[in-house]
Amino acid sequence: MKRIFTVLSALFLLIVTLTACQGDENISQLSSGADNSSGSENMKTFTISEKELYDKIRGSWLGQAAGVVWGADQEFWYAGVTMPDDKVPDIASLDLNGVFGQDDLYVEIPFMTAMKEHGVDCGLDVIAEAFKNTKFGLDHANKIARENLIAGIPAPQSGDYIHNLHCDDIDWQIEADFLGCIYPGLVSDAAERAFELGHITNYGDGVYGGVFVAAMHSAAFTAQSVSEIIDAGVKSIPEGTKFRQVMDDVISWYDEGCTWLETWQKLQDKWDKTKRCPWYANGATNIDAKMNAAYILIGLLYGEGDFDASMRISMQCGQDSDCNPSSVGAILGNYYGYDAIDAKWKNLDMESTPFSYTEYSFNDCVQLNYELALEFLEKRGFENNDGVWTLSTSNIIEPVEFEQWPDMPTLSVEYRQYGSLVILTATAHDINGEVNVTWQTGDGTEYQGTLATHVYSEAGTFTVTCKAENVNGNSTTVTETIEVTDASGITPPQGSGYRNLAQDGLILCTVYEPTGSGAKDINVIRDGVKNGSNEQQYDTYAGYLGAHDEIIGYIFGGTVTVDKVVFTEGMHFNNGGWFVGETLNVELLIDGEWQSVEYTPSPRYQEGNAAANYGAWFETFTFSFEATECSGVRLRGTAGGDAGFVGVAELEVWGE
């Protein structure tokens, strides 16, 4: 790393000279920590005072606060693009007390309190139990891991790719700052512990995000340069992993003389499509740990030791633009210590305001983190003379265990059962491209595609198997057991005469649990209200699913004769809310098979895949066709926009 900012002085090895950055001035340091290295070729011995240990831990927490508050309002605003210089928030305008509501910090506290109660080296199961019992909102790998733990899936399986399709996401990387602060200068200890605990929520590259951050924190206590800090983080990651390849690429581009913007673009071009988060599998958003860790690395490299500049560059890389500068600020805050950080970053209540969902103030967290570090040093038997610790560790940084999510599609399955009728829905994605989905219903019937409907002809216990296969021939299989106690089918349509049959059917939809801003009760599509507010339309947004088949319709318990579908769109958003017009089909369930029918639209449904093409919200379209006997009706087409979803205010099926 030829260009990394390095400030060393052999003349003043034991003197620490810290200058906090003012405006555009760099923070500089002659020596970080009291590093009295000695011993054999492969061992080093160094000292650190308890005063310095506390100052560095406090600086780390302040750095976390600075970075997360600075970038909070831009989180994921800049996805797949960099943040322009004129959009970087003015530091003077920040309310630093906003940190107390930031999950980037308060999620760490349950880990620390569990260690306080059960010992700093307590087992994985103890930490997992504390995490399971948290009540705050969570997302991505954290959310799924906690749900797994509650469901009885223990750690480390709670973070494994088999049970947690978000295992490559950024979660553990965000939460590992406190952990590195427990192991001052003991990089391998920090890395191994981060690898162990990371499996509560993540796996493979997702775990390595936390290892990378924790190792750099540990190194920051004694490092003589930012280069040395980065070196510790990178060497803790096994060669051959995707995570290590990304870090090596960034460093290589830096060494070649690329600007940070050029490095960002090379990173985007080579690695953006390797993300595997099922919610952001398509579209521009990328919450992948290795990609966001690269933004941390870019900030540390190109910031060249400047506290403000390093955070700003990391923030301007976009995506998780508060978590990444928070990690950068935390590592540099540790490196320089609290006292050296500019006073403009200290304008927050450190004594009385607790972090959300806790009773811990800023200073309480610092004190707890400090006490855990002291406990670890005592348990390791290091020497303490009048508050000065003498530590020894290997000069050689060994990587943690090699671990990678295999080449296989992500696959999640859900089903809805109505007596003997089962609606099967699969969500599948693969970074290699197309995925082939096959269903076996357990009674000899097979279906293709992500959505299938099946009626069992007799009662019994059936094992439904869903298989997703990628273009390389690798597959993922999920099974579900279905109990059928009544094979009489669903209730036939009630009433007679030509009418809207929507109330007589069971709703068939690709997405039953949307996460967007529209109504969560799918019955709004047949409540008779065709216009109005967001709450009166159902949109199928469930993260950035991208282009995929979207289906919405009804299945009936008997035969009906229908001749038109009346579709009232919901709202359009900049990232979706429509069917891609030229893909829209009307399909009828005839003799157990879905068949497309020729229809006449009135007015003509729009075409293209941009919000500007789709006119006003709550527009009604009638699709007329020859009267046909069937037992189900649905619309099927490609979900529109970058996110891939459809808005529906009302769906009527007319017949008798």
Foldseek 3Di string as FASTA:
>chain_A
DPQFQFAEDPVPAQDWDWAADDDPDFTDIHFFAFFPFDDDPFKTKGKHFLVLLLQLLLLLLLQLLLLQQQQVVQAQVAFQAFADPVPRDDLLPTDSQVSLADCLPPLLVLQLVLCVVPNLPDDLQSSLVSLLPADDDDDALSVQLSVCVVVPNGPLSSADCLRGQRQQFQVLLSNQLLQLSLQALALQVSLQVLLRNSSSRHFANNSLSSSLLSSLLNNLNGDRGLVSSNVRSLQQADPPGPLNVLQVQLVVCVVVPDDLVRSLVVSSVPPVLQARRLQPNFFRAGRGSSNLVSLLVSLSRNVSRGLVSSSSSSLRSHHRNRSSSSSNSSSSSSNNGNVSHDPSSVPYDQPADHRPPDRAGSVNSSVSSSVSSVSVCVVVPFDADPRMTMDMDTPDRHYDDHTDDDQEKRKDKDWDDDQQKIKIAMRIDGSQDDKWKKKDWQPRDIDTDRIAMDGDQDFDKGKMKMWIADPVRHIDIDIDIDGHPHRLFHDAADDDDKDWRQVQFDKHWNAQQADDDAANDPCLQAPPDLDDDRPLKDKRQHHQNFWDKIKIWGFGRDKWKFWKKKFWFADADQFFAAFQQVFKFKWFAAPNDTDTFQWDKVVRQFHDAGPVGHDDHSDMMMTGGPTDIGRIIMIIGITGGRSRMHMTNYMTIITD
